[in-house]
Amino acid sequence: MEFTTPLLRGSLIKRYKRFMADVELDDGGQVTAHCANSGSMLGLTTPGSEVWLSPADNPKRKLKYTWELIRDGDGLVGINTSHPNALVAEGVTGGAIAELAGYDSLRREVKYGRNSRIDLLLEADDRPPCYVEVKNVHLKREAGLAEFPDSVTARGTKHLGELADMVDQGARAMMVYLVQREDCARFAVAADIDPAYNQALDEARARGVEAVCYCCKINPAGIEVSHSLRLDG
């Protein structure tokens, strides 16, 4: 995924009301950017951090910029949670996610379960359909370890149960955790942050739901799926 317009660099002033962030751009101007992330963004909201914003395509949009990246240590982290579904779709069609190879078609946002939509539905004539739920990951509290979630996610817990229900009905189901950073070698559920989600994942995997984790290559020009990470637990 390439950014359609060049990103603008700045310095984070503060994030507030979850979906807003004040940023001082390199040219000295101050703007308020949309923060497309409903989580806590634990460890990624330090004032003064280098951030990158994308200009809005729609001139009528109230907030003219979207917060895309933040520097954490030596690397950049993608914080925009609207990108992972498209990134995983690109990874599937481009062959970067080996576990999801061999399907003839890919559809996004398909209704299923109890009034839900699956992120990706993969289909082929010679195999059961595969329901794919994608979760954005950017939390890192210890060296080399990516974690999810960074706050309690009742919605994510619900989705795990619905994926397991699809397996019970004869389909295939997979959780894909996409790490939008390059400095991790393994992945684990942050059980101390959301014990219910941790338990739900264990139960879903016991019922046949698969889980994989992939990280990304990230720079101000774009983001792409890179390689798989080890799942702990």
Protein backbone atom coordinates (compact mmCIF):
# COMPACT_ATOMS: atom_id res chain seq x y z
CA MET A 1 0.00 0.00 0.00
CA GLU A 2 1.51 3.26 -1.14
CA PHE A 3 0.34 6.58 0.24
CA THR A 4 -1.37 8.44 -2.59
CA THR A 5 0.10 11.79 -1.59
CA PRO A 6 3.40 12.51 0.20
CA LEU A 7 3.14 12.47 3.98
CA LEU A 8 3.97 15.54 6.04
CA ARG A 9 6.32 15.26 9.02
CA GLY A 10 5.70 16.95 12.32
CA SER A 11 5.93 16.70 16.10
CA LEU A 12 3.08 15.42 18.26
CA ILE A 13 1.68 17.98 20.66
CA LYS A 14 -1.07 15.81 22.15
CA ARG A 15 -3.70 13.20 21.36
CA TYR A 16 -7.16 13.80 22.87
CA LYS A 17 -10.79 12.73 22.59
CA ARG A 18 -9.36 9.48 21.13
CA PHE A 19 -9.80 10.60 17.53
CA MET A 20 -7.94 13.92 17.47
CA ALA A 21 -4.28 14.91 17.65
CA ASP A 22 -2.60 18.31 17.58
CA VAL A 23 0.63 18.34 15.58
CA GLU A 24 3.27 20.97 14.87
CA LEU A 25 4.44 20.51 11.29
CA ASP A 26 8.06 20.91 10.24
CA ASP A 27 7.18 24.25 8.59
CA GLY A 28 6.06 25.60 11.97
CA GLY A 29 2.33 25.41 11.35
CA GLN A 30 0.00 23.70 13.84
CA VAL A 31 -2.82 21.41 12.68
CA THR A 32 -5.38 19.08 14.21
CA ALA A 33 -5.33 15.63 12.59
CA HIS A 34 -7.81 12.78 12.64
CA CYS A 35 -6.56 9.82 14.69
CA ALA A 36 -8.08 6.69 13.11
CA ASN A 37 -7.53 4.54 16.17
CA SER A 38 -10.03 3.76 18.94
CA GLY A 39 -7.52 1.99 21.21
CA SER A 40 -5.43 3.41 24.01
CA MET A 41 -2.29 3.62 21.81
CA LEU A 42 -0.31 2.74 24.91
CA GLY A 43 3.26 3.99 24.59
CA LEU A 44 2.60 5.83 21.33
CA THR A 45 1.30 9.22 22.41
CA THR A 46 4.39 10.87 23.89
CA PRO A 47 4.43 14.61 23.18
CA GLY A 48 7.33 15.61 20.98
CA SER A 49 7.39 12.34 19.05
CA GLU A 50 7.99 12.45 15.30
CA VAL A 51 4.73 11.83 13.44
CA TRP A 52 3.65 11.67 9.81
CA LEU A 53 0.32 12.90 8.46
CA SER A 54 -1.51 12.32 5.18
CA PRO A 55 -3.44 15.20 3.62
CA ALA A 56 -7.15 14.50 3.11
CA ASP A 57 -8.37 13.85 -0.44
CA ASN A 58 -11.77 15.38 0.32
CA PRO A 59 -11.52 19.20 0.50
CA LYS A 60 -14.82 19.31 2.42
CA ARG A 61 -13.55 17.13 5.28
CA LYS A 62 -13.46 18.93 8.62
CA LEU A 63 -10.02 17.64 9.61
CA LYS A 64 -7.65 18.09 6.68
CA TYR A 65 -5.04 15.57 7.86
CA THR A 66 -4.91 11.98 9.09
CA TRP A 67 -2.27 10.73 11.52
CA GLU A 68 -0.52 7.76 9.88
CA LEU A 69 2.84 7.03 11.55
CA ILE A 70 4.79 7.73 14.73
CA ARG A 71 8.44 7.08 15.47
CA ASP A 72 9.08 4.77 18.41
CA GLY A 73 12.74 4.22 19.09
CA ASP A 74 14.54 3.68 15.78
CA GLY A 75 11.48 2.68 13.76
CA LEU A 76 8.14 3.89 12.54
CA VAL A 77 4.80 2.49 13.74
CA GLY A 78 1.56 2.58 11.78
CA ILE A 79 -1.31 3.73 13.99
CA ASN A 80 -4.09 4.05 11.38
CA THR A 81 -6.43 1.10 12.00
CA SER A 82 -8.28 1.63 8.71
CA HIS A 83 -5.33 0.15 6.76
CA PRO A 84 -4.83 -3.44 8.04
CA ASN A 85 -7.76 -5.00 6.13
CA ALA A 86 -6.45 -3.64 2.84
CA LEU A 87 -2.88 -4.58 3.75
CA VAL A 88 -3.85 -8.17 4.51
CA ALA A 89 -5.92 -8.34 1.32
CA GLU A 90 -2.83 -7.21 -0.60
CA GLY A 91 -0.77 -9.78 1.28
CA VAL A 92 -3.18 -12.57 0.35
CA THR A 93 -3.44 -11.69 -3.35
CA GLY A 94 0.30 -11.04 -3.56
CA GLY A 95 1.24 -14.35 -1.92
CA ALA A 96 2.84 -12.84 1.18
CA ILE A 97 0.57 -14.78 3.57
CA ALA A 98 1.26 -18.42 2.81
CA GLU A 99 -1.45 -19.76 5.11
CA LEU A 100 -4.13 -18.10 2.96
CA ALA A 101 -2.88 -19.08 -0.49
CA GLY A 102 -4.90 -21.00 -3.07
CA TYR A 103 -8.27 -19.24 -3.01
CA ASP A 104 -9.96 -18.02 -6.19
CA SER A 105 -11.76 -14.99 -4.82
CA LEU A 106 -11.54 -12.48 -2.00
CA ARG A 107 -14.41 -10.35 -0.76
CA ARG A 108 -14.33 -7.72 1.97
CA GLU A 109 -16.88 -6.71 4.62
CA VAL A 110 -19.26 -9.64 4.03
CA LYS A 111 -22.19 -10.05 6.43
CA TYR A 112 -22.07 -13.14 8.65
CA GLY A 113 -22.76 -14.33 12.19
CA ARG A 114 -24.85 -12.23 14.54
CA ASN A 115 -25.13 -8.93 12.70
CA SER A 116 -21.41 -8.78 11.97
CA ARG A 117 -19.20 -8.34 8.92
CA ILE A 118 -16.14 -10.47 8.26
CA ASP A 119 -13.05 -8.52 7.21
CA LEU A 120 -12.15 -10.93 4.39
CA LEU A 121 -13.98 -13.92 2.93
CA LEU A 122 -11.87 -16.23 0.76
CA GLU A 123 -13.59 -18.72 -1.51
CA ALA A 124 -12.71 -21.49 -3.97
CA ASP A 125 -14.67 -24.28 -5.58
CA ASP A 126 -12.50 -27.05 -4.15
CA ARG A 127 -12.41 -26.06 -0.47
CA PRO A 128 -14.55 -24.61 2.32
CA PRO A 129 -14.79 -20.81 2.55
CA CYS A 130 -12.30 -19.11 4.85
CA TYR A 131 -13.45 -16.34 7.19
CA VAL A 132 -10.58 -13.98 8.04
CA GLU A 133 -10.68 -11.48 10.90
CA VAL A 134 -7.88 -8.89 10.93
CA LYS A 135 -6.61 -7.06 14.00
CA ASN A 136 -4.18 -4.17 14.00
CA VAL A 137 -1.24 -4.54 16.39
CA HIS A 138 1.11 -1.77 17.49
CA LEU A 139 1.63 -2.34 21.21
CA LYS A 140 5.17 -3.19 22.36
CA ARG A 141 5.94 -3.19 26.08
CA GLU A 142 9.06 -5.34 26.04
CA ALA A 143 11.83 -5.75 23.50
CA GLY A 144 10.83 -7.79 20.47
CA LEU A 145 7.29 -8.60 21.67
CA ALA A 146 4.17 -7.31 19.90
CA GLU A 147 0.91 -7.54 21.86
CA PHE A 148 -2.83 -7.21 21.29
CA PRO A 149 -5.06 -5.64 22.49
CA ASP A 150 -3.93 -2.33 23.99
CA SER A 151 -7.33 -1.87 25.68
CA VAL A 152 -10.37 -4.03 26.45
CA THR A 153 -12.11 -5.13 23.25
CA ALA A 154 -15.56 -6.62 23.77
CA ARG A 155 -16.10 -6.44 20.01
CA GLY A 156 -12.97 -8.49 19.38
CA THR A 157 -14.10 -11.10 21.92
CA LYS A 158 -17.47 -11.36 20.18
CA HIS A 159 -15.79 -11.90 16.81
CA LEU A 160 -13.77 -14.83 18.14
CA GLY A 161 -16.96 -16.63 19.12
CA GLU A 162 -18.47 -15.98 15.71
CA LEU A 163 -15.38 -17.32 13.95
CA ALA A 164 -15.60 -20.50 16.02
CA ASP A 165 -19.27 -20.81 15.02
CA MET A 166 -18.22 -20.73 11.35
CA VAL A 167 -15.79 -23.59 11.98
CA ASP A 168 -18.62 -25.55 13.62
CA GLN A 169 -20.59 -25.06 10.41
CA GLY A 170 -17.81 -26.54 8.27
CA ALA A 171 -15.95 -23.41 7.22
CA ARG A 172 -12.35 -22.40 7.88
CA ALA A 173 -11.65 -19.38 10.09
CA MET A 174 -8.47 -17.46 10.80
CA MET A 175 -7.35 -14.57 12.97
CA VAL A 176 -4.64 -12.46 11.35
CA TYR A 177 -2.78 -10.14 13.70
CA LEU A 178 -1.01 -7.50 11.64
CA VAL A 179 1.87 -5.74 13.39
CA GLN A 180 2.40 -2.27 11.95
CA ARG A 181 5.98 -2.03 13.15
CA GLU A 182 9.30 -3.69 12.26
CA ASP A 183 10.98 -4.17 15.63
CA CYS A 184 9.23 -7.32 16.90
CA ALA A 185 10.04 -11.01 16.49
CA ARG A 186 7.09 -12.58 18.33
CA PHE A 187 3.48 -11.94 19.29
CA ALA A 188 1.34 -12.60 22.35
CA VAL A 189 -2.07 -11.64 23.66
CA ALA A 190 -1.92 -8.96 26.36
CA ALA A 191 -3.84 -11.09 28.87
CA ASP A 192 -3.31 -8.60 31.68
CA ILE A 193 -5.07 -5.88 29.66
CA ASP A 194 -8.02 -8.02 28.50
CA PRO A 195 -8.31 -11.42 30.23
CA ALA A 196 -11.67 -12.09 28.54
CA TYR A 197 -10.16 -11.73 25.09
CA ASN A 198 -7.28 -14.02 26.01
CA GLN A 199 -9.70 -16.68 27.22
CA ALA A 200 -11.91 -16.27 24.15
CA LEU A 201 -8.92 -16.77 21.83
CA ASP A 202 -7.88 -19.93 23.66
CA GLU A 203 -11.43 -21.27 23.37
CA ALA A 204 -11.72 -20.31 19.70
CA ARG A 205 -8.43 -22.01 18.82
CA ALA A 206 -9.56 -25.12 20.69
CA ARG A 207 -12.65 -25.13 18.44
CA GLY A 208 -10.52 -24.90 15.29
CA VAL A 209 -9.96 -21.21 14.65
CA GLU A 210 -6.45 -20.62 13.32
CA ALA A 211 -4.24 -17.68 14.25
CA VAL A 212 -1.23 -16.16 12.51
CA CYS A 213 0.76 -12.97 12.95
CA TYR A 214 2.56 -10.95 10.29
CA CYS A 215 4.58 -7.78 10.55
CA CYS A 216 4.99 -4.94 8.08
CA LYS A 217 7.68 -2.95 6.35
CA ILE A 218 6.96 0.71 7.00
CA ASN A 219 8.29 3.98 5.64
CA PRO A 220 6.73 7.35 4.77
CA ALA A 221 6.13 6.15 1.20
CA GLY A 222 3.98 3.16 2.14
CA ILE A 223 3.33 0.00 4.15
CA GLU A 224 3.42 -3.65 3.07
CA VAL A 225 3.10 -7.08 4.70
CA SER A 226 6.56 -8.50 5.32
CA HIS A 227 6.94 -11.82 7.18
CA SER A 228 5.35 -13.96 9.88
CA LEU A 229 6.07 -13.67 13.59
CA ARG A 230 6.03 -16.41 16.21
CA LEU A 231 2.90 -16.66 18.34
CA ASP A 232 3.56 -17.18 22.04
CA GLY A 233 1.01 -19.17 23.99
